[in-house]
Amino acid sequence: MEPAQHQSRRTFLGRTGGIATACAMAGMTGSGGAKAAPASGKPAASEAGTSTLTDQHYLLTNVRLEDGFVYDGEIVTATRTAQHTLEIKAGRIVALHAAGAALPAGVPSYQANGQLALPAMRDMHIHLDKTFYGGPWQAPLPRQGKTILDMIAREEKLIPQLLPTSQQRAEALIALLHSKGTTVARSHCNIDPVSGLKSLEHLKRALENHRDDFTCEIVAFPQHGLLHSKVDGLMREAMSMDVAYVGGLDPTNVDGAMEKSLDAMFQIALDTGKGVDIHLHETSPAGAAAIQYMIATVEKNPALRGKVTISHGFALATLAPGALEETAARMAAQGMTIASTVPLGAMTMPLPQLSAKGVFVMTGTDSVYDHWSPFGRADMLEKANLYAQLYRGSDEFRLSRALAIATGGVLPLDDNGKRVWPKAGDAADFTLVPASCSAEAVARLPERSATFHRGRMVFGSVGVA
């Protein structure tokens, strides 16, 4: 689905073939690990992210892996699977042992009970620093008739109320991500005159507490406008605090000066050697103009090549087919990425067309229950499901391909049905689900039973073999 050069990056319970039923009866228990998340999707604070599987070298037996496609002529009709034992050591899968093969002696052994392993999910657009999650229910105020500047004014009053508990809420959100199979994220973090660098400091403390079980890139995000809120100095200061990306926001609608705003953003990136990840919601001709200006800027500055992400990029949905094809080709040539939430709305984002031209497309939660929206579930598998529905991918092959948007392009089988994941040497980053294959997982959205990051079980439980 995405070009190889970018591959350094989705509730109903599945019940096919009795596998899920058997796994549910087994309960995936026995190690003293955390229980699955309640039906609400919110892990209990005392349960999420805990386990007693702390071995550096261990075996995980009876793991279901995809082996290939079943064909009727040229049509993929099903997916073959087989059970294997994963040998995990120092955070990596060091060997895959087929069923019945002799296993290393003296190595602790755990039982997956026939559940399917999927690559770990990646939430590549989320706001961990400002969320209502982890606190009492609070519906957002009405947005009807509100402009983005109105929402910024509202946020200026809200941020001081959220700051005292922002670290704890970020950690609660990380636990929720774990329960959905996600161990890698990119989080935008407010840099604004109200919070200064405090939101960033709190987020960094939360991430430090999870340095062994969660990997997160930070984007310094001028939510109130880079020029509008006069935060160039704060943004530059943030770059020295382990921030990976310079953010930006709607250079015309918020900053009122497209070229000046984008130039300021890119200059910070060039001066500090960082990447860029800009929120671009604009659907007017100004939005399309901003995309063209950004492409031209990257073309003139080789140091930016492969380091620029456009988040949302709704203006791409307004382009005529020929203009879209040309724009996508130029973006792909410069290694530019699109981070899309796979939005529902009047305009459908041209994500398959972008991918076909070689643009790396990734997805993220964006809001998980905050003053912008109450609807986020932090479930990347759900994003793959939405992708499949929007782009008519209801057959076995296309359902299995849709998983790529949730895993950073990592798929168990390539387009020809050859297993490419997992293999010996891969990081032990995966999630276990009660499903017969990835197509079923995308279509039916089973709960995650256990989540592993660098070989460490960060959510759920497994049986003792």
Protein backbone atom coordinates (compact mmCIF):
# COMPACT_ATOMS: atom_id res chain seq x y z
CA MET A 1 0.00 0.00 0.00
CA GLU A 2 2.95 2.30 0.71
CA PRO A 3 6.39 2.47 -0.94
CA ALA A 4 9.21 0.51 0.66
CA GLN A 5 11.27 3.58 1.46
CA HIS A 6 8.62 4.71 3.96
CA GLN A 7 8.14 1.46 5.81
CA SER A 8 10.16 2.58 8.85
CA ARG A 9 6.12 3.08 9.78
CA ARG A 10 -6.96 -0.55 12.53
CA THR A 11 -16.77 -3.55 18.24
CA PHE A 12 -17.75 -6.68 17.19
CA LEU A 13 -16.07 -9.88 18.33
CA GLY A 14 -14.79 -12.16 15.55
CA ARG A 15 -15.98 -15.75 15.78
CA THR A 16 -14.81 -17.48 12.59
CA GLY A 17 -13.99 -21.18 12.72
CA GLY A 18 -14.50 -21.46 16.46
CA ILE A 19 -11.09 -19.88 17.10
CA ALA A 20 -12.45 -16.84 18.87
CA THR A 21 -14.85 -18.94 20.92
CA ALA A 22 -12.05 -21.21 22.04
CA CYS A 23 -9.85 -18.25 22.93
CA ALA A 24 -12.66 -16.56 24.83
CA MET A 25 -13.23 -19.74 26.85
CA ALA A 26 -9.52 -19.98 27.55
CA GLY A 27 -9.65 -16.37 28.69
CA MET A 28 -5.98 -15.72 27.89
CA THR A 29 -5.34 -15.86 31.62
CA GLY A 30 -2.80 -17.49 33.84
CA SER A 31 0.12 -15.06 33.97
CA GLY A 32 -1.39 -12.60 36.40
CA GLY A 33 -1.54 -9.98 33.68
CA ALA A 34 -4.17 -7.30 33.21
CA LYS A 35 -7.70 -8.18 32.15
CA ALA A 36 -9.17 -6.98 28.89
CA ALA A 37 -10.69 -3.52 28.77
CA PRO A 38 -14.33 -3.20 29.84
CA ALA A 39 -16.99 -2.94 27.12
CA SER A 40 -16.78 0.86 27.30
CA GLY A 41 -13.28 0.62 25.86
CA LYS A 42 -11.74 2.29 28.92
CA PRO A 43 -9.23 0.11 30.75
CA ALA A 44 -9.62 0.12 34.52
CA ALA A 45 -6.84 2.18 36.10
CA SER A 46 -5.72 -0.76 38.22
CA GLU A 47 -5.64 -3.14 35.25
CA ALA A 48 -4.36 -1.42 32.14
CA GLY A 49 -0.72 -1.79 31.15
CA THR A 50 0.29 -4.25 33.88
CA SER A 51 1.64 -7.76 33.57
CA THR A 52 4.04 -10.19 35.19
CA LEU A 53 5.62 -11.32 31.91
CA THR A 54 9.00 -9.74 32.50
CA ASP A 55 11.31 -12.39 31.01
CA GLN A 56 13.96 -11.12 28.59
CA HIS A 57 13.98 -14.50 26.83
CA TYR A 58 10.77 -16.51 26.48
CA LEU A 59 8.58 -18.55 24.15
CA LEU A 60 5.04 -17.60 23.13
CA THR A 61 3.40 -20.77 21.87
CA ASN A 62 0.31 -21.39 19.71
CA VAL A 63 0.45 -18.00 18.02
CA ARG A 64 -1.66 -17.90 14.86
CA LEU A 65 0.21 -16.41 11.89
CA GLU A 66 -0.97 -15.83 8.35
CA ASP A 67 0.67 -18.19 5.81
CA GLY A 68 -0.87 -17.21 2.48
CA PHE A 69 -3.99 -16.52 0.46
CA VAL A 70 -6.52 -19.06 -0.83
CA TYR A 71 -7.53 -18.41 -4.45
CA ASP A 72 -10.46 -19.19 -6.68
CA GLY A 73 -8.84 -18.44 -10.02
CA GLU A 74 -7.32 -14.99 -9.48
CA ILE A 75 -9.70 -14.04 -6.67
CA VAL A 76 -8.53 -14.22 -3.05
CA THR A 77 -11.29 -15.99 -1.14
CA ALA A 78 -9.64 -16.73 2.22
CA THR A 79 -6.41 -16.57 4.20
CA ARG A 80 -4.42 -19.60 5.33
CA THR A 81 -2.99 -19.56 8.84
CA ALA A 82 -0.90 -21.87 10.98
CA GLN A 83 0.21 -21.92 14.59
CA HIS A 84 3.81 -21.14 15.51
CA THR A 85 5.92 -20.48 18.56
CA LEU A 86 7.60 -17.08 18.73
CA GLU A 87 10.96 -17.07 20.48
CA ILE A 88 11.50 -13.60 21.90
CA LYS A 89 14.76 -12.33 23.34
CA ALA A 90 15.90 -8.83 24.31
CA GLY A 91 12.89 -7.24 22.65
CA ARG A 92 13.14 -9.06 19.32
CA ILE A 93 11.66 -12.11 17.67
CA VAL A 94 14.77 -14.24 17.31
CA ALA A 95 13.08 -17.34 15.84
CA LEU A 96 9.75 -18.67 14.58
CA HIS A 97 9.22 -22.34 15.39
CA ALA A 98 6.61 -24.28 13.43
CA ALA A 99 4.07 -26.41 15.28
CA GLY A 100 5.67 -29.66 16.40
CA ALA A 101 9.22 -28.39 16.09
CA ALA A 102 11.69 -28.95 18.93
CA LEU A 103 11.79 -25.92 21.22
CA PRO A 104 14.75 -24.56 23.18
CA ALA A 105 15.03 -26.17 26.60
CA GLY A 106 14.92 -24.17 29.81
CA VAL A 107 13.22 -21.11 28.31
CA PRO A 108 10.04 -19.82 30.04
CA SER A 109 6.96 -20.56 27.94
CA TYR A 110 3.62 -18.77 27.62
CA GLN A 111 0.46 -19.68 25.73
CA ALA A 112 -1.38 -17.56 23.13
CA ASN A 113 -4.20 -20.11 22.81
CA GLY A 114 -4.38 -19.88 19.03
CA GLN A 115 -4.99 -16.16 18.84
CA LEU A 116 -3.91 -14.19 15.78
CA ALA A 117 -0.85 -11.96 15.95
CA LEU A 118 -1.12 -8.61 14.16
CA PRO A 119 1.60 -5.98 13.86
CA ALA A 120 1.42 -3.34 16.59
CA MET A 121 -0.77 -0.36 15.74
CA ARG A 122 0.63 3.16 15.23
CA ASP A 123 -1.38 6.27 16.11
CA MET A 124 0.38 8.90 14.04
CA HIS A 125 -1.78 11.91 14.88
CA ILE A 126 -2.98 12.33 18.44
CA HIS A 127 -3.06 15.06 21.09
CA LEU A 128 -1.95 13.43 24.34
CA ASP A 129 -1.47 16.75 26.09
CA LYS A 130 -5.06 18.01 26.21
CA THR A 131 -7.80 15.49 26.76
CA PHE A 132 -10.87 15.05 28.94
CA TYR A 133 -10.08 11.32 29.05
CA GLY A 134 -9.36 10.00 32.53
CA GLY A 135 -11.73 12.49 34.15
CA PRO A 136 -15.51 12.76 34.58
CA TRP A 137 -17.79 12.95 31.54
CA GLN A 138 -17.80 16.40 29.98
CA ALA A 139 -19.50 16.96 26.64
CA PRO A 140 -17.94 19.64 24.44
CA LEU A 141 -19.75 22.95 24.11
CA PRO A 142 -21.68 23.48 20.84
CA ARG A 143 -19.50 24.17 17.79
CA GLN A 144 -22.29 25.25 15.45
CA GLY A 145 -21.37 28.61 13.95
CA LYS A 146 -17.97 28.64 15.63
CA THR A 147 -14.86 29.43 13.59
CA ILE A 148 -11.44 28.00 14.36
CA LEU A 149 -10.55 31.35 15.94
CA ASP A 150 -13.61 31.00 18.21
CA MET A 151 -12.39 27.55 19.22
CA ILE A 152 -8.93 28.93 19.94
CA ALA A 153 -10.44 31.60 22.19
CA ARG A 154 -12.38 28.87 24.01
CA GLU A 155 -9.22 26.81 24.41
CA GLU A 156 -7.33 29.74 25.92
CA LYS A 157 -9.76 29.56 28.86
CA LEU A 158 -9.75 25.76 29.03
CA ILE A 159 -6.00 25.07 29.01
CA PRO A 160 -5.38 26.41 32.57
CA GLN A 161 -8.09 24.05 33.84
CA LEU A 162 -6.50 21.03 32.12
CA LEU A 163 -2.84 21.70 32.97
CA PRO A 164 -2.90 20.52 36.62
CA THR A 165 -3.92 16.99 35.56
CA SER A 166 -2.55 16.89 32.00
CA GLN A 167 0.25 14.44 32.83
CA GLN A 168 -2.11 11.97 34.52
CA ARG A 169 -4.61 12.21 31.68
CA ALA A 170 -1.88 11.65 29.09
CA GLU A 171 -0.85 8.49 30.94
CA ALA A 172 -4.47 7.30 31.07
CA LEU A 173 -4.65 7.82 27.32
CA ILE A 174 -1.46 5.82 26.81
CA ALA A 175 -3.07 2.97 28.75
CA LEU A 176 -6.11 3.18 26.47
CA LEU A 177 -3.84 3.05 23.41
CA HIS A 178 -2.15 -0.06 24.82
CA SER A 179 -5.54 -1.71 25.24
CA LYS A 180 -6.20 -1.12 21.53
CA GLY A 181 -2.90 -2.61 20.40
CA THR A 182 -1.04 0.67 19.86
CA THR A 183 2.53 1.12 21.09
CA VAL A 184 3.83 3.84 18.72
CA ALA A 185 2.43 7.35 18.34
CA ARG A 186 3.11 10.86 17.16
CA SER A 187 1.64 13.41 19.54
CA HIS A 188 1.08 17.08 18.82
CA CYS A 189 1.61 19.21 21.90
CA ASN A 190 0.39 22.77 22.40
CA ILE A 191 2.94 25.56 22.36
CA ASP A 192 0.86 28.65 23.10
CA PRO A 193 0.99 31.88 25.16
CA VAL A 194 -1.36 30.44 27.78
CA SER A 195 0.54 27.26 28.67
CA GLY A 196 3.97 28.31 27.45
CA LEU A 197 6.08 25.15 27.59
CA LYS A 198 4.16 23.59 30.51
CA SER A 199 2.04 21.28 28.31
CA LEU A 200 5.25 20.01 26.74
CA GLU A 201 6.93 19.54 30.12
CA HIS A 202 3.95 17.55 31.42
CA LEU A 203 3.80 15.40 28.30
CA LYS A 204 7.52 14.66 28.49
CA ARG A 205 7.11 13.51 32.11
CA ALA A 206 4.26 11.19 31.07
CA LEU A 207 6.33 9.74 28.25
CA GLU A 208 9.35 9.29 30.52
CA ASN A 209 7.17 7.15 32.80
CA HIS A 210 6.40 4.97 29.76
CA ARG A 211 9.79 4.96 28.07
CA ASP A 212 9.93 1.13 28.22
CA ASP A 213 6.44 0.44 26.88
CA PHE A 214 5.56 3.27 24.47
CA THR A 215 7.37 5.10 21.69
CA CYS A 216 6.22 8.62 20.86
CA GLU A 217 7.43 11.41 18.58
CA ILE A 218 6.45 14.93 19.67
CA VAL A 219 5.30 17.74 17.40
CA ALA A 220 5.52 21.26 18.84
CA PHE A 221 2.10 22.52 17.78
CA PRO A 222 1.24 26.25 17.67
CA GLN A 223 -2.49 25.57 18.15
CA HIS A 224 -3.27 29.27 18.43
CA GLY A 225 -1.35 30.15 15.26
CA LEU A 226 2.39 30.53 14.78
CA LEU A 227 2.08 34.20 13.80
CA HIS A 228 -1.30 34.87 15.41
CA SER A 229 -0.04 33.94 18.89
CA LYS A 230 3.55 35.15 18.37
CA VAL A 231 5.19 31.92 19.57
CA ASP A 232 8.22 31.72 17.26
CA GLY A 233 10.54 32.04 20.25
CA LEU A 234 8.68 29.41 22.28
CA MET A 235 8.68 27.06 19.30
CA ARG A 236 12.45 27.41 18.94
CA GLU A 237 12.89 26.76 22.66
CA ALA A 238 10.72 23.64 22.35
CA MET A 239 13.02 22.29 19.65
CA SER A 240 15.72 21.81 22.29
CA MET A 241 13.39 19.62 24.39
CA ASP A 242 13.51 16.35 22.39
CA VAL A 243 10.83 17.55 19.98
CA ALA A 244 10.98 15.85 16.58
CA TYR A 245 8.72 18.06 14.46
CA VAL A 246 7.82 21.69 13.97
CA GLY A 247 4.06 22.08 13.77
CA GLY A 248 1.89 24.62 12.02
CA LEU A 249 -1.75 25.53 11.58
CA ASP A 250 -3.92 26.91 8.75
CA PRO A 251 -1.60 29.68 7.51
CA THR A 252 -4.39 31.67 5.85
CA ASN A 253 -7.43 31.14 8.08
CA VAL A 254 -5.52 31.54 11.37
CA ASP A 255 -2.30 33.42 10.63
CA GLY A 256 -3.73 35.48 7.79
CA ALA A 257 -0.50 35.35 5.76
CA MET A 258 0.07 32.05 3.99
CA GLU A 259 3.60 32.51 2.69
CA LYS A 260 4.89 34.33 5.77
CA SER A 261 3.44 31.68 8.10
CA LEU A 262 4.79 28.72 6.13
CA ASP A 263 8.19 30.39 5.70
CA ALA A 264 8.42 30.91 9.48
CA MET A 265 7.53 27.26 10.14
CA PHE A 266 10.01 25.91 7.60
CA GLN A 267 12.75 28.25 8.82
CA ILE A 268 12.50 26.83 12.34
CA ALA A 269 12.79 23.33 10.87
CA LEU A 270 15.79 24.26 8.73
CA ASP A 271 17.53 26.07 11.57
CA THR A 272 17.10 23.16 13.98
CA GLY A 273 17.28 20.15 11.64
CA LYS A 274 13.79 19.02 12.59
CA GLY A 275 10.89 17.70 10.52
CA VAL A 276 7.56 19.43 9.84
CA ASP A 277 4.01 18.26 10.59
CA ILE A 278 1.38 20.91 9.86
CA HIS A 279 -2.37 20.88 10.53
CA LEU A 280 -3.98 22.02 7.28
CA HIS A 281 -7.78 22.07 7.45
CA GLU A 282 -8.41 24.73 4.81
CA THR A 283 -10.60 23.64 1.90
CA SER A 284 -10.72 26.99 0.10
CA PRO A 285 -8.35 27.68 -2.81
CA ALA A 286 -5.96 28.95 -0.13
CA GLY A 287 -5.62 25.38 1.17
CA ALA A 288 -4.62 24.06 -2.24
CA ALA A 289 -2.24 26.98 -2.66
CA ALA A 290 -0.62 26.19 0.68
CA ILE A 291 -0.01 22.59 -0.40
CA GLN A 292 1.62 23.75 -3.63
CA TYR A 293 3.76 26.25 -1.72
CA MET A 294 4.92 23.55 0.70
CA ILE A 295 5.82 21.17 -2.12
CA ALA A 296 7.81 23.92 -3.82
CA THR A 297 9.59 24.74 -0.55
CA VAL A 298 10.67 21.13 -0.08
CA GLU A 299 11.80 20.95 -3.70
CA LYS A 300 14.06 23.97 -3.09
CA ASN A 301 15.40 22.67 0.24
CA PRO A 302 16.77 19.10 0.02
CA ALA A 303 17.25 19.08 3.81
CA LEU A 304 13.46 18.87 4.13
CA ARG A 305 13.04 15.91 1.80
CA GLY A 306 11.39 12.96 3.55
CA LYS A 307 10.69 15.07 6.66
CA VAL A 308 7.38 16.84 5.91
CA THR A 309 3.92 15.62 6.90
CA ILE A 310 0.65 17.33 6.04
CA SER A 311 -1.97 16.42 8.61
CA HIS A 312 -5.54 16.39 7.32
CA GLY A 313 -4.83 18.15 4.01
CA PHE A 314 -8.53 18.44 3.21
CA ALA A 315 -7.82 20.66 0.20
CA LEU A 316 -6.56 17.58 -1.64
CA ALA A 317 -10.18 16.42 -1.83
CA THR A 318 -11.06 19.56 -3.82
CA LEU A 319 -8.55 18.96 -6.64
CA ALA A 320 -9.59 17.83 -10.10
CA PRO A 321 -8.25 14.36 -11.03
CA GLY A 322 -5.41 15.69 -13.19
CA ALA A 323 -4.30 18.24 -10.61
CA LEU A 324 -4.48 15.61 -7.86
CA GLU A 325 -2.33 13.20 -9.86
CA GLU A 326 0.32 15.85 -10.52
CA THR A 327 0.30 17.04 -6.89
CA ALA A 328 0.56 13.50 -5.53
CA ALA A 329 3.47 12.70 -7.84
CA ARG A 330 5.37 15.79 -6.68
CA MET A 331 4.66 14.95 -3.03
CA ALA A 332 5.86 11.39 -3.48
CA ALA A 333 9.04 12.56 -5.20
CA GLN A 334 9.85 14.66 -2.11
CA GLY A 335 8.95 11.94 0.41
CA MET A 336 6.06 13.96 1.81
CA THR A 337 3.53 12.17 4.03
CA ILE A 338 -0.19 12.55 4.66
CA ALA A 339 -1.59 11.93 8.15
CA SER A 340 -5.35 11.47 7.78
CA THR A 341 -8.03 10.56 10.28
CA VAL A 342 -10.00 8.95 7.42
CA PRO A 343 -12.71 11.54 7.94
CA LEU A 344 -16.41 11.22 7.20
CA GLY A 345 -17.99 14.22 5.54
CA ALA A 346 -19.18 15.83 2.34
CA MET A 347 -15.78 15.39 0.73
CA THR A 348 -13.99 12.05 0.68
CA MET A 349 -10.23 12.26 0.99
CA PRO A 350 -8.43 10.71 -2.04
CA LEU A 351 -6.30 8.41 0.11
CA PRO A 352 -6.11 5.43 -2.32
CA GLN A 353 -5.13 7.77 -5.16
CA LEU A 354 -2.37 9.29 -3.02
CA SER A 355 -1.06 5.85 -2.06
CA ALA A 356 -1.15 4.71 -5.69
CA LYS A 357 1.16 7.60 -6.58
CA GLY A 358 3.61 6.65 -3.83
CA VAL A 359 2.56 9.10 -1.09
CA PHE A 360 2.87 7.48 2.32
CA VAL A 361 -0.53 7.68 4.03
CA MET A 362 -0.88 7.09 7.77
CA THR A 363 -3.69 7.58 10.23
CA GLY A 364 -4.31 8.67 13.79
CA THR A 365 -6.95 9.23 16.40
CA ASP A 366 -6.59 13.03 16.54
CA SER A 367 -9.04 13.85 19.33
CA VAL A 368 -9.83 11.30 22.00
CA TYR A 369 -12.64 12.93 23.92
CA ASP A 370 -11.80 16.59 24.34
CA HIS A 371 -13.32 20.01 23.70
CA TRP A 372 -13.14 19.41 19.95
CA SER A 373 -14.88 16.03 19.84
CA PRO A 374 -16.27 13.39 22.24
CA PHE A 375 -16.02 10.46 19.80
CA GLY A 376 -12.44 9.18 19.69
CA ARG A 377 -11.79 5.59 20.83
CA ALA A 378 -8.02 5.51 20.21
CA ASP A 379 -8.52 2.41 18.03
CA MET A 380 -6.40 2.23 14.89
CA LEU A 381 -8.05 -1.05 13.85
CA GLU A 382 -11.28 0.95 13.76
CA LYS A 383 -9.57 3.36 11.34
CA ALA A 384 -8.67 0.45 9.06
CA ASN A 385 -12.31 -0.67 9.21
CA LEU A 386 -13.47 2.83 8.26
CA TYR A 387 -10.92 2.96 5.43
CA ALA A 388 -12.22 -0.34 4.05
CA GLN A 389 -15.83 0.86 4.23
CA LEU A 390 -15.15 4.25 2.63
CA TYR A 391 -13.12 2.85 -0.24
CA ARG A 392 -15.25 -0.27 -0.87
CA GLY A 393 -12.74 -2.79 0.37
CA SER A 394 -15.14 -5.49 1.56
CA ASP A 395 -13.44 -8.55 0.03
CA GLU A 396 -10.77 -10.68 1.72
CA PHE A 397 -7.84 -9.18 -0.17
CA ARG A 398 -8.73 -5.51 0.25
CA LEU A 399 -9.74 -5.94 3.89
CA SER A 400 -6.31 -7.40 4.55
CA ARG A 401 -4.64 -4.50 2.69
CA ALA A 402 -6.60 -1.92 4.70
CA LEU A 403 -4.72 -3.00 7.84
CA ALA A 404 -1.61 -1.21 6.50
CA ILE A 405 -2.95 2.25 7.30
CA ALA A 406 -3.08 1.32 10.99
CA THR A 407 0.33 -0.35 11.25
CA GLY A 408 2.59 2.01 9.34
CA GLY A 409 2.55 -0.18 6.23
CA VAL A 410 3.48 -3.42 8.03
CA LEU A 411 1.34 -6.32 6.79
CA PRO A 412 1.59 -10.05 7.56
CA LEU A 413 1.29 -10.96 3.84
CA ASP A 414 2.47 -9.08 0.77
CA ASP A 415 0.20 -8.57 -2.22
CA ASN A 416 1.20 -11.99 -3.58
CA GLY A 417 0.32 -13.79 -0.35
CA LYS A 418 3.89 -14.34 0.87
CA ARG A 419 4.42 -13.91 4.58
CA VAL A 420 6.66 -10.91 5.23
CA TRP A 421 5.82 -10.39 8.92
CA PRO A 422 6.85 -11.50 11.42
CA LYS A 423 10.33 -12.75 10.65
CA ALA A 424 13.40 -13.44 12.74
CA GLY A 425 15.06 -10.19 13.72
CA ASP A 426 11.87 -8.13 13.81
CA ALA A 427 11.08 -6.08 16.90
CA ALA A 428 8.65 -7.99 19.12
CA ASP A 429 5.87 -5.40 18.65
CA PHE A 430 2.50 -7.02 18.11
CA THR A 431 -1.02 -7.49 19.43
CA LEU A 432 -3.07 -10.67 19.88
CA VAL A 433 -6.70 -10.80 18.76
CA PRO A 434 -9.41 -13.49 18.68
CA ALA A 435 -9.74 -13.56 14.89
CA SER A 436 -8.91 -16.04 12.14
CA CYS A 437 -7.07 -13.55 9.89
CA SER A 438 -6.40 -9.84 9.46
CA ALA A 439 -9.34 -9.44 7.05
CA GLU A 440 -11.69 -10.63 9.80
CA ALA A 441 -9.98 -8.40 12.35
CA VAL A 442 -10.46 -5.32 10.14
CA ALA A 443 -14.08 -6.17 9.37
CA ARG A 444 -15.22 -7.33 12.81
CA LEU A 445 -13.00 -5.31 15.21
CA PRO A 446 -12.23 -7.86 17.94
CA GLU A 447 -10.97 -6.69 21.30
CA ARG A 448 -7.23 -6.86 21.81
CA SER A 449 -6.26 -9.63 24.22
CA ALA A 450 -2.63 -8.68 24.76
CA THR A 451 -0.23 -6.04 23.44
CA PHE A 452 3.56 -6.37 23.24
CA HIS A 453 6.18 -3.65 22.81
CA ARG A 454 9.81 -4.64 22.38
CA GLY A 455 8.93 -8.04 23.80
CA ARG A 456 7.34 -6.59 26.91
CA MET A 457 3.65 -7.32 27.50
CA VAL A 458 2.17 -3.88 28.11
CA PHE A 459 -1.49 -4.85 28.16
CA GLY A 460 -3.57 -7.98 28.66
CA SER A 461 -2.54 -11.46 29.66
CA VAL A 462 -1.37 -14.76 28.23
CA GLY A 463 -1.55 -18.29 29.56
CA VAL A 464 1.25 -20.23 31.18
CA ALA A 465 2.23 -23.08 28.85
